[in-house]
Every structure is written in structure tokens, then in C-alpha cells.
Amino acid sequence: MAGKLNLPTLIALCSIALGRPGQSFMAILGGINVSGTLIKAENFADRLQVCLDSGAKKVLFPQISFTELATVPLELMSAFQLIPYQRAEDAVFKVPGVE
């Protein structure tokens, strides 16, 4: 088994269990390892460019990637609603918009 879990897969499974679909036009960056520790989104600016080219309007990213925001051009950053998450559970509830 790999040392990391695909966070979008976890979110999809939880969305099915909750009976709540994810938000439209949302991209999910980062990941978690098997112990639940967040994995930073590498090449943050490049990944945001791919999100923009793919039509994403909202980007969910791990809070540990805040330092990467300094490398992102302002016009690229302003193209999205950036939504940070602190834990995997936080990400699971932010995607379908559950309070």
C-alpha cells in the first residue's frame, strides 16, 4: 500500500456517505498520509495554473501551503476562491459545504 491516501478519494467516499455532492468547479490540492498528516501541495503556482486552465473556480488547499502563496502571481491567485483546510476532516466538510 502507498504511504499516502488520495484526499479527493476520501472526500468522495465521505460525500457519498453523507449524501451530499461536492461543490461545482472545485479543485482539491494536497493530500494526507496514512497517519492523517497533511501533505503540502508541491509546485503550488503551477498547480493553480492547471486549475485555472481546467475551469476551476474554487481551490481547496492545505493550510501548510500558505508559504507557497508568496510564489503565486497576484492575477493567478485572484482568479480563485482559495479555501484552506487544517485537517482531512476539515476538507471533507468544506467540499460539500456541510456546516
PDB file of N, CA and C in Angstrom:
ATOM      1  N   MET A   1       0.844  -1.185   0.000  1.00  0.00           N
ATOM      2  CA  MET A   1       0.000   0.000   0.000  1.00  0.00           C
ATOM      3  C   MET A   1       0.885   1.242   0.000  1.00  0.00           C
ATOM      4  N   ALA A   2       0.455   2.248  -0.679  1.00  0.00           N
ATOM      5  CA  ALA A   2       1.213   3.501  -0.752  1.00  0.00           C
ATOM      6  C   ALA A   2       1.205   4.197   0.607  1.00  0.00           C
ATOM      7  N   GLY A   3       2.191   5.074   0.812  1.00  0.00           N
ATOM      8  CA  GLY A   3       2.297   5.786   2.079  1.00  0.00           C
ATOM      9  C   GLY A   3       1.371   6.972   2.192  1.00  0.00           C
ATOM     10  N   LYS A   4       0.646   7.288   1.128  1.00  0.00           N
ATOM     11  CA  LYS A   4      -0.281   8.413   1.199  1.00  0.00           C
ATOM     12  C   LYS A   4      -1.641   8.011   0.647  1.00  0.00           C
ATOM     13  N   LEU A   5      -2.645   8.721   1.062  1.00  0.00           N
ATOM     14  CA  LEU A   5      -4.017   8.472   0.643  1.00  0.00           C
ATOM     15  C   LEU A   5      -4.445   9.615  -0.253  1.00  0.00           C
ATOM     16  N   ASN A   6      -5.146   9.299  -1.291  1.00  0.00           N
ATOM     17  CA  ASN A   6      -5.622  10.322  -2.196  1.00  0.00           C
ATOM     18  C   ASN A   6      -6.778  11.060  -1.519  1.00  0.00           C
ATOM     19  N   LEU A   7      -6.545  12.307  -1.136  1.00  0.00           N
ATOM     20  CA  LEU A   7      -7.548  13.092  -0.408  1.00  0.00           C
ATOM     21  C   LEU A   7      -8.856  13.241  -1.184  1.00  0.00           C
ATOM     22  N   PRO A   8      -8.821  13.509  -2.498  1.00  0.00           N
ATOM     23  CA  PRO A   8     -10.099  13.590  -3.219  1.00  0.00           C
ATOM     24  C   PRO A   8     -10.914  12.292  -3.148  1.00  0.00           C
ATOM     25  N   THR A   9     -10.232  11.141  -3.104  1.00  0.00           N
ATOM     26  CA  THR A   9     -10.943   9.867  -2.968  1.00  0.00           C
ATOM     27  C   THR A   9     -11.632   9.780  -1.611  1.00  0.00           C
ATOM     28  N   LEU A  10     -10.927  10.164  -0.560  1.00  0.00           N
ATOM     29  CA  LEU A  10     -11.522  10.180   0.781  1.00  0.00           C
ATOM     30  C   LEU A  10     -12.726  11.114   0.823  1.00  0.00           C
ATOM     31  N   ILE A  11     -12.588  12.286   0.228  1.00  0.00           N
ATOM     32  CA  ILE A  11     -13.682  13.263   0.212  1.00  0.00           C
ATOM     33  C   ILE A  11     -14.876  12.720  -0.565  1.00  0.00           C
ATOM     34  N   ALA A  12     -14.611  12.060  -1.697  1.00  0.00           N
ATOM     35  CA  ALA A  12     -15.702  11.487  -2.493  1.00  0.00           C
ATOM     36  C   ALA A  12     -16.451  10.411  -1.710  1.00  0.00           C
ATOM     37  N   LEU A  13     -15.719   9.540  -1.028  1.00  0.00           N
ATOM     38  CA  LEU A  13     -16.363   8.491  -0.237  1.00  0.00           C
ATOM     39  C   LEU A  13     -17.207   9.081   0.894  1.00  0.00           C
ATOM     40  N   CYS A  14     -16.682  10.101   1.545  1.00  0.00           N
ATOM     41  CA  CYS A  14     -17.431  10.749   2.627  1.00  0.00           C
ATOM     42  C   CYS A  14     -18.653  11.499   2.093  1.00  0.00           C
ATOM     43  N   SER A  15     -18.528  12.108   0.918  1.00  0.00           N
ATOM     44  CA  SER A  15     -19.671  12.803   0.311  1.00  0.00           C
ATOM     45  C   SER A  15     -20.795  11.822  -0.003  1.00  0.00           C
ATOM     46  N   ILE A  16     -20.412  10.637  -0.474  1.00  0.00           N
ATOM     47  CA  ILE A  16     -21.412   9.601  -0.745  1.00  0.00           C
ATOM     48  C   ILE A  16     -22.087   9.176   0.557  1.00  0.00           C
ATOM     49  N   ALA A  17     -21.285   8.955   1.598  1.00  0.00           N
ATOM     50  CA  ALA A  17     -21.833   8.532   2.890  1.00  0.00           C
ATOM     51  C   ALA A  17     -22.756   9.591   3.486  1.00  0.00           C
ATOM     52  N   LEU A  18     -22.406  10.875   3.293  1.00  0.00           N
ATOM     53  CA  LEU A  18     -23.233  11.968   3.815  1.00  0.00           C
ATOM     54  C   LEU A  18     -24.439  12.266   2.929  1.00  0.00           C
ATOM     55  N   GLY A  19     -24.403  11.757   1.695  1.00  0.00           N
ATOM     56  CA  GLY A  19     -25.479  12.051   0.759  1.00  0.00           C
ATOM     57  C   GLY A  19     -25.448  13.480   0.253  1.00  0.00           C
ATOM     58  N   ARG A  20     -24.263  14.092   0.242  1.00  0.00           N
ATOM     59  CA  ARG A  20     -24.101  15.485  -0.185  1.00  0.00           C
ATOM     60  C   ARG A  20     -23.090  15.542  -1.325  1.00  0.00           C
ATOM     61  N   PRO A  21     -23.465  16.065  -2.481  1.00  0.00           N
ATOM     62  CA  PRO A  21     -22.499  16.184  -3.579  1.00  0.00           C
ATOM     63  C   PRO A  21     -21.483  17.288  -3.302  1.00  0.00           C
ATOM     64  N   GLY A  22     -20.343  17.201  -3.954  1.00  0.00           N
ATOM     65  CA  GLY A  22     -19.322  18.243  -3.832  1.00  0.00           C
ATOM     66  C   GLY A  22     -19.741  19.500  -4.568  1.00  0.00           C
ATOM     67  N   GLN A  23     -19.049  20.600  -4.294  1.00  0.00           N
ATOM     68  CA  GLN A  23     -19.338  21.866  -4.963  1.00  0.00           C
ATOM     69  C   GLN A  23     -18.806  21.827  -6.393  1.00  0.00           C
ATOM     70  N   SER A  24     -19.484  22.499  -7.291  1.00  0.00           N
ATOM     71  CA  SER A  24     -19.068  22.551  -8.690  1.00  0.00           C
ATOM     72  C   SER A  24     -17.812  23.386  -8.851  1.00  0.00           C
ATOM     73  N   PHE A  25     -17.020  23.038  -9.835  1.00  0.00           N
ATOM     74  CA  PHE A  25     -15.825  23.793 -10.225  1.00  0.00           C
ATOM     75  C   PHE A  25     -14.810  23.926  -9.096  1.00  0.00           C
ATOM     76  N   MET A  26     -14.674  22.896  -8.265  1.00  0.00           N
ATOM     77  CA  MET A  26     -13.718  22.934  -7.157  1.00  0.00           C
ATOM     78  C   MET A  26     -12.563  21.983  -7.436  1.00  0.00           C
ATOM     79  N   ALA A  27     -11.350  22.463  -7.182  1.00  0.00           N
ATOM     80  CA  ALA A  27     -10.149  21.633  -7.267  1.00  0.00           C
ATOM     81  C   ALA A  27      -9.628  21.399  -5.853  1.00  0.00           C
ATOM     82  N   ILE A  28      -9.032  20.234  -5.639  1.00  0.00           N
ATOM     83  CA  ILE A  28      -8.511  19.874  -4.326  1.00  0.00           C
ATOM     84  C   ILE A  28      -7.017  19.619  -4.457  1.00  0.00           C
ATOM     85  N   LEU A  29      -6.226  20.395  -3.729  1.00  0.00           N
ATOM     86  CA  LEU A  29      -4.775  20.237  -3.749  1.00  0.00           C
ATOM     87  C   LEU A  29      -4.300  19.662  -2.424  1.00  0.00           C
ATOM     88  N   GLY A  30      -3.123  19.036  -2.447  1.00  0.00           N
ATOM     89  CA  GLY A  30      -2.560  18.458  -1.239  1.00  0.00           C
ATOM     90  C   GLY A  30      -3.046  17.037  -1.039  1.00  0.00           C
ATOM     91  N   GLY A  31      -2.691  16.473   0.079  1.00  0.00           N
ATOM     92  CA  GLY A  31      -3.082  15.105   0.384  1.00  0.00           C
ATOM     93  C   GLY A  31      -2.864  14.815   1.850  1.00  0.00           C
ATOM     94  N   ILE A  32      -3.048  13.551   2.204  1.00  0.00           N
ATOM     95  CA  ILE A  32      -2.795  13.109   3.573  1.00  0.00           C
ATOM     96  C   ILE A  32      -2.019  11.803   3.509  1.00  0.00           C
ATOM     97  N   ASN A  33      -1.207  11.545   4.531  1.00  0.00           N
ATOM     98  CA  ASN A  33      -0.552  10.244   4.591  1.00  0.00           C
ATOM     99  C   ASN A  33      -1.408   9.304   5.432  1.00  0.00           C
ATOM    100  N   VAL A  34      -0.958   8.072   5.572  1.00  0.00           N
ATOM    101  CA  VAL A  34      -1.759   7.059   6.247  1.00  0.00           C
ATOM    102  C   VAL A  34      -2.058   7.432   7.700  1.00  0.00           C
ATOM    103  N   SER A  35      -1.148   8.154   8.352  1.00  0.00           N
ATOM    104  CA  SER A  35      -1.388   8.544   9.745  1.00  0.00           C
ATOM    105  C   SER A  35      -2.291   9.773   9.870  1.00  0.00           C
ATOM    106  N   GLY A  36      -2.681  10.372   8.738  1.00  0.00           N
ATOM    107  CA  GLY A  36      -3.577  11.520   8.764  1.00  0.00           C
ATOM    108  C   GLY A  36      -2.883  12.864   8.693  1.00  0.00           C
ATOM    109  N   THR A  37      -1.563  12.880   8.570  1.00  0.00           N
ATOM    110  CA  THR A  37      -0.810  14.124   8.468  1.00  0.00           C
ATOM    111  C   THR A  37      -0.971  14.719   7.072  1.00  0.00           C
ATOM    112  N   LEU A  38      -1.157  16.037   7.003  1.00  0.00           N
ATOM    113  CA  LEU A  38      -1.323  16.696   5.714  1.00  0.00           C
ATOM    114  C   LEU A  38      -0.036  16.681   4.908  1.00  0.00           C
ATOM    115  N   ILE A  39      -0.188  16.569   3.601  1.00  0.00           N
ATOM    116  CA  ILE A  39       0.936  16.641   2.676  1.00  0.00           C
ATOM    117  C   ILE A  39       0.797  17.937   1.901  1.00  0.00           C
ATOM    118  N   LYS A  40       1.846  18.730   1.915  1.00  0.00           N
ATOM    119  CA  LYS A  40       1.873  20.036   1.263  1.00  0.00           C
ATOM    120  C   LYS A  40       1.668  19.896  -0.253  1.00  0.00           C
ATOM    121  N   ALA A  41       1.002  20.859  -0.842  1.00  0.00           N
ATOM    122  CA  ALA A  41       0.820  20.893  -2.294  1.00  0.00           C
ATOM    123  C   ALA A  41       2.112  21.410  -2.926  1.00  0.00           C
ATOM    124  N   GLU A  42       2.822  20.549  -3.634  1.00  0.00           N
ATOM    125  CA  GLU A  42       4.082  20.933  -4.272  1.00  0.00           C
ATOM    126  C   GLU A  42       3.807  21.730  -5.546  1.00  0.00           C
ATOM    127  N   ASN A  43       4.754  22.576  -5.932  1.00  0.00           N
ATOM    128  CA  ASN A  43       4.625  23.398  -7.150  1.00  0.00           C
ATOM    129  C   ASN A  43       3.278  24.112  -7.183  1.00  0.00           C
ATOM    130  N   PHE A  44       2.985  24.818  -6.121  1.00  0.00           N
ATOM    131  CA  PHE A  44       1.668  25.422  -5.908  1.00  0.00           C
ATOM    132  C   PHE A  44       1.238  26.318  -7.069  1.00  0.00           C
ATOM    133  N   ALA A  45       2.111  27.199  -7.534  1.00  0.00           N
ATOM    134  CA  ALA A  45       1.755  28.121  -8.618  1.00  0.00           C
ATOM    135  C   ALA A  45       1.437  27.355  -9.899  1.00  0.00           C
ATOM    136  N   ASP A  46       2.223  26.323 -10.205  1.00  0.00           N
ATOM    137  CA  ASP A  46       1.974  25.524 -11.407  1.00  0.00           C
ATOM    138  C   ASP A  46       0.644  24.784 -11.308  1.00  0.00           C
ATOM    139  N   ARG A  47       0.353  24.259 -10.137  1.00  0.00           N
ATOM    140  CA  ARG A  47      -0.913  23.542  -9.951  1.00  0.00           C
ATOM    141  C   ARG A  47      -2.111  24.493 -10.058  1.00  0.00           C
ATOM    142  N   LEU A  48      -1.958  25.706  -9.541  1.00  0.00           N
ATOM    143  CA  LEU A  48      -3.042  26.684  -9.680  1.00  0.00           C
ATOM    144  C   LEU A  48      -3.265  27.047 -11.143  1.00  0.00           C
ATOM    145  N   GLN A  49      -2.190  27.121 -11.921  1.00  0.00           N
ATOM    146  CA  GLN A  49      -2.337  27.411 -13.350  1.00  0.00           C
ATOM    147  C   GLN A  49      -3.109  26.293 -14.041  1.00  0.00           C
ATOM    148  N   VAL A  50      -2.828  25.050 -13.687  1.00  0.00           N
ATOM    149  CA  VAL A  50      -3.570  23.913 -14.244  1.00  0.00           C
ATOM    150  C   VAL A  50      -5.035  23.989 -13.827  1.00  0.00           C
ATOM    151  N   CYS A  51      -5.294  24.368 -12.579  1.00  0.00           N
ATOM    152  CA  CYS A  51      -6.677  24.529 -12.103  1.00  0.00           C
ATOM    153  C   CYS A  51      -7.406  25.591 -12.917  1.00  0.00           C
ATOM    154  N   LEU A  52      -6.731  26.703 -13.187  1.00  0.00           N
ATOM    155  CA  LEU A  52      -7.331  27.781 -13.973  1.00  0.00           C
ATOM    156  C   LEU A  52      -7.628  27.308 -15.387  1.00  0.00           C
ATOM    157  N   ASP A  53      -6.670  26.620 -15.996  1.00  0.00           N
ATOM    158  CA  ASP A  53      -6.851  26.111 -17.355  1.00  0.00           C
ATOM    159  C   ASP A  53      -7.970  25.075 -17.433  1.00  0.00           C
ATOM    160  N   SER A  54      -8.231  24.394 -16.318  1.00  0.00           N
ATOM    161  CA  SER A  54      -9.275  23.363 -16.274  1.00  0.00           C
ATOM    162  C   SER A  54     -10.645  23.916 -15.914  1.00  0.00           C
ATOM    163  N   GLY A  55     -10.722  25.203 -15.575  1.00  0.00           N
ATOM    164  CA  GLY A  55     -12.007  25.827 -15.297  1.00  0.00           C
ATOM    165  C   GLY A  55     -12.423  25.859 -13.838  1.00  0.00           C
ATOM    166  N   ALA A  56     -11.505  25.571 -12.930  1.00  0.00           N
ATOM    167  CA  ALA A  56     -11.846  25.601 -11.500  1.00  0.00           C
ATOM    168  C   ALA A  56     -12.116  27.031 -11.046  1.00  0.00           C
ATOM    169  N   LYS A  57     -13.067  27.186 -10.149  1.00  0.00           N
ATOM    170  CA  LYS A  57     -13.395  28.490  -9.565  1.00  0.00           C
ATOM    171  C   LYS A  57     -12.990  28.562  -8.094  1.00  0.00           C
ATOM    172  N   LYS A  58     -12.958  27.390  -7.440  1.00  0.00           N
ATOM    173  CA  LYS A  58     -12.594  27.297  -6.024  1.00  0.00           C
ATOM    174  C   LYS A  58     -11.464  26.284  -5.897  1.00  0.00           C
ATOM    175  N   VAL A  59     -10.531  26.574  -5.009  1.00  0.00           N
ATOM    176  CA  VAL A  59      -9.409  25.661  -4.783  1.00  0.00           C
ATOM    177  C   VAL A  59      -9.278  25.405  -3.287  1.00  0.00           C
ATOM    178  N   LEU A  60      -9.387  24.148  -2.914  1.00  0.00           N
ATOM    179  CA  LEU A  60      -9.205  23.711  -1.538  1.00  0.00           C
ATOM    180  C   LEU A  60      -7.747  23.285  -1.398  1.00  0.00           C
ATOM    181  N   PHE A  61      -7.030  23.866  -0.439  1.00  0.00           N
ATOM    182  CA  PHE A  61      -5.605  23.554  -0.302  1.00  0.00           C
ATOM    183  C   PHE A  61      -5.227  23.450   1.168  1.00  0.00           C
ATOM    184  N   PRO A  62      -4.174  22.678   1.477  1.00  0.00           N
ATOM    185  CA  PRO A  62      -3.779  22.522   2.878  1.00  0.00           C
ATOM    186  C   PRO A  62      -3.187  23.805   3.436  1.00  0.00           C
ATOM    187  N   GLN A  63      -3.511  24.092   4.674  1.00  0.00           N
ATOM    188  CA  GLN A  63      -3.047  25.318   5.312  1.00  0.00           C
ATOM    189  C   GLN A  63      -1.521  25.369   5.391  1.00  0.00           C
ATOM    190  N   ILE A  64      -0.858  24.222   5.388  1.00  0.00           N
ATOM    191  CA  ILE A  64       0.601  24.211   5.436  1.00  0.00           C
ATOM    192  C   ILE A  64       1.217  24.740   4.143  1.00  0.00           C
ATOM    193  N   SER A  65       0.405  24.969   3.126  1.00  0.00           N
ATOM    194  CA  SER A  65       0.900  25.522   1.859  1.00  0.00           C
ATOM    195  C   SER A  65       0.794  27.041   1.802  1.00  0.00           C
ATOM    196  N   PHE A  66       0.436  27.693   2.915  1.00  0.00           N
ATOM    197  CA  PHE A  66       0.342  29.159   2.929  1.00  0.00           C
ATOM    198  C   PHE A  66       1.646  29.817   2.501  1.00  0.00           C
ATOM    199  N   THR A  67       2.774  29.228   2.856  1.00  0.00           N
ATOM    200  CA  THR A  67       4.064  29.817   2.484  1.00  0.00           C
ATOM    201  C   THR A  67       4.258  29.842   0.975  1.00  0.00           C
ATOM    202  N   GLU A  68       3.595  28.948   0.269  1.00  0.00           N
ATOM    203  CA  GLU A  68       3.697  28.885  -1.192  1.00  0.00           C
ATOM    204  C   GLU A  68       2.939  30.032  -1.871  1.00  0.00           C
ATOM    205  N   LEU A  69       2.003  30.658  -1.166  1.00  0.00           N
ATOM    206  CA  LEU A  69       1.217  31.737  -1.772  1.00  0.00           C
ATOM    207  C   LEU A  69       2.098  32.895  -2.231  1.00  0.00           C
ATOM    208  N   ALA A  70       3.245  33.071  -1.602  1.00  0.00           N
ATOM    209  CA  ALA A  70       4.159  34.150  -1.985  1.00  0.00           C
ATOM    210  C   ALA A  70       4.736  33.940  -3.382  1.00  0.00           C
ATOM    211  N   THR A  71       4.709  32.709  -3.877  1.00  0.00           N
ATOM    212  CA  THR A  71       5.259  32.408  -5.204  1.00  0.00           C
ATOM    213  C   THR A  71       4.215  32.505  -6.310  1.00  0.00           C
ATOM    214  N   VAL A  72       2.972  32.754  -5.946  1.00  0.00           N
ATOM    215  CA  VAL A  72       1.876  32.774  -6.922  1.00  0.00           C
ATOM    216  C   VAL A  72       1.634  34.201  -7.401  1.00  0.00           C
ATOM    217  N   PRO A  73       1.606  34.424  -8.725  1.00  0.00           N
ATOM    218  CA  PRO A  73       1.297  35.766  -9.232  1.00  0.00           C
ATOM    219  C   PRO A  73      -0.095  36.214  -8.777  1.00  0.00           C
ATOM    220  N   LEU A  74      -0.239  37.497  -8.501  1.00  0.00           N
ATOM    221  CA  LEU A  74      -1.486  38.049  -7.972  1.00  0.00           C
ATOM    222  C   LEU A  74      -2.674  37.783  -8.893  1.00  0.00           C
ATOM    223  N   GLU A  75      -2.490  37.946 -10.207  1.00  0.00           N
ATOM    224  CA  GLU A  75      -3.611  37.727 -11.129  1.00  0.00           C
ATOM    225  C   GLU A  75      -4.052  36.265 -11.150  1.00  0.00           C
ATOM    226  N   LEU A  76      -3.128  35.340 -10.911  1.00  0.00           N
ATOM    227  CA  LEU A  76      -3.497  33.929 -10.832  1.00  0.00           C
ATOM    228  C   LEU A  76      -4.231  33.637  -9.528  1.00  0.00           C
ATOM    229  N   MET A  77      -3.738  34.189  -8.431  1.00  0.00           N
ATOM    230  CA  MET A  77      -4.357  33.972  -7.126  1.00  0.00           C
ATOM    231  C   MET A  77      -5.764  34.571  -7.068  1.00  0.00           C
ATOM    232  N   SER A  78      -5.968  35.706  -7.710  1.00  0.00           N
ATOM    233  CA  SER A  78      -7.273  36.365  -7.647  1.00  0.00           C
ATOM    234  C   SER A  78      -8.310  35.707  -8.553  1.00  0.00           C
ATOM    235  N   ALA A  79      -7.909  34.723  -9.335  1.00  0.00           N
ATOM    236  CA  ALA A  79      -8.840  34.029 -10.221  1.00  0.00           C
ATOM    237  C   ALA A  79      -9.684  32.996  -9.476  1.00  0.00           C
ATOM    238  N   PHE A  80      -9.336  32.717  -8.223  1.00  0.00           N
ATOM    239  CA  PHE A  80      -9.993  31.654  -7.460  1.00  0.00           C
ATOM    240  C   PHE A  80     -10.515  32.146  -6.119  1.00  0.00           C
ATOM    241  N   GLN A  81     -11.443  31.365  -5.581  1.00  0.00           N
ATOM    242  CA  GLN A  81     -11.777  31.471  -4.167  1.00  0.00           C
ATOM    243  C   GLN A  81     -10.908  30.408  -3.496  1.00  0.00           C
ATOM    244  N   LEU A  82      -9.889  30.833  -2.768  1.00  0.00           N
ATOM    245  CA  LEU A  82      -8.971  29.907  -2.108  1.00  0.00           C
ATOM    246  C   LEU A  82      -9.522  29.519  -0.742  1.00  0.00           C
ATOM    247  N   ILE A  83      -9.631  28.215  -0.502  1.00  0.00           N
ATOM    248  CA  ILE A  83     -10.222  27.704   0.730  1.00  0.00           C
ATOM    249  C   ILE A  83      -9.205  26.791   1.422  1.00  0.00           C
ATOM    250  N   PRO A  84      -8.599  27.257   2.515  1.00  0.00           N
ATOM    251  CA  PRO A  84      -7.620  26.411   3.214  1.00  0.00           C
ATOM    252  C   PRO A  84      -8.305  25.403   4.139  1.00  0.00           C
ATOM    253  N   TYR A  85      -7.629  24.275   4.351  1.00  0.00           N
ATOM    254  CA  TYR A  85      -8.102  23.300   5.336  1.00  0.00           C
ATOM    255  C   TYR A  85      -6.951  22.927   6.260  1.00  0.00           C
ATOM    256  N   GLN A  86      -7.289  22.613   7.516  1.00  0.00           N
ATOM    257  CA  GLN A  86      -6.282  22.302   8.534  1.00  0.00           C
ATOM    258  C   GLN A  86      -6.098  20.808   8.746  1.00  0.00           C
ATOM    259  N   ARG A  87      -7.161  20.035   8.538  1.00  0.00           N
ATOM    260  CA  ARG A  87      -7.137  18.588   8.738  1.00  0.00           C
ATOM    261  C   ARG A  87      -7.955  17.947   7.625  1.00  0.00           C
ATOM    262  N   ALA A  88      -7.805  16.653   7.457  1.00  0.00           N
ATOM    263  CA  ALA A  88      -8.575  15.941   6.443  1.00  0.00           C
ATOM    264  C   ALA A  88     -10.073  16.066   6.717  1.00  0.00           C
ATOM    265  N   GLU A  89     -10.458  16.017   7.998  1.00  0.00           N
ATOM    266  CA  GLU A  89     -11.877  16.140   8.354  1.00  0.00           C
ATOM    267  C   GLU A  89     -12.421  17.501   7.943  1.00  0.00           C
ATOM    268  N   ASP A  90     -11.600  18.511   8.095  1.00  0.00           N
ATOM    269  CA  ASP A  90     -11.959  19.873   7.697  1.00  0.00           C
ATOM    270  C   ASP A  90     -12.233  19.919   6.193  1.00  0.00           C
ATOM    271  N   ALA A  91     -11.365  19.288   5.410  1.00  0.00           N
ATOM    272  CA  ALA A  91     -11.536  19.257   3.953  1.00  0.00           C
ATOM    273  C   ALA A  91     -12.805  18.507   3.563  1.00  0.00           C
ATOM    274  N   VAL A  92     -13.068  17.401   4.251  1.00  0.00           N
ATOM    275  CA  VAL A  92     -14.264  16.602   3.953  1.00  0.00           C
ATOM    276  C   VAL A  92     -15.533  17.429   4.111  1.00  0.00           C
ATOM    277  N   PHE A  93     -15.594  18.278   5.121  1.00  0.00           N
ATOM    278  CA  PHE A  93     -16.793  19.072   5.355  1.00  0.00           C
ATOM    279  C   PHE A  93     -16.847  20.339   4.514  1.00  0.00           C
ATOM    280  N   LYS A  94     -15.719  20.827   4.021  1.00  0.00           N
ATOM    281  CA  LYS A  94     -15.729  22.045   3.209  1.00  0.00           C
ATOM    282  C   LYS A  94     -16.127  21.784   1.760  1.00  0.00           C
ATOM    283  N   VAL A  95     -15.854  20.598   1.245  1.00  0.00           N
ATOM    284  CA  VAL A  95     -16.179  20.318  -0.157  1.00  0.00           C
ATOM    285  C   VAL A  95     -17.684  20.303  -0.403  1.00  0.00           C
ATOM    286  N   PRO A  96     -18.470  19.537   0.347  1.00  0.00           N
ATOM    287  CA  PRO A  96     -19.910  19.588   0.098  1.00  0.00           C
ATOM    288  C   PRO A  96     -20.600  20.771   0.756  1.00  0.00           C
ATOM    289  N   GLY A  97     -19.870  21.592   1.481  1.00  0.00           N
ATOM    290  CA  GLY A  97     -20.469  22.758   2.121  1.00  0.00           C
ATOM    291  C   GLY A  97     -21.258  22.421   3.364  1.00  0.00           C
ATOM    292  N   VAL A  98     -20.873  21.356   4.065  1.00  0.00           N
ATOM    293  CA  VAL A  98     -21.552  20.952   5.298  1.00  0.00           C
ATOM    294  C   VAL A  98     -21.052  21.823   6.437  1.00  0.00           C
ATOM    295  N   GLU A  99     -21.952  22.283   7.285  1.00  0.00           N
ATOM    296  CA  GLU A  99     -21.566  23.112   8.445  1.00  0.00           C
ATOM    297  C   GLU A  99     -21.397  22.244   9.664  1.00  0.00           C
TER     298      GLU A  99
END
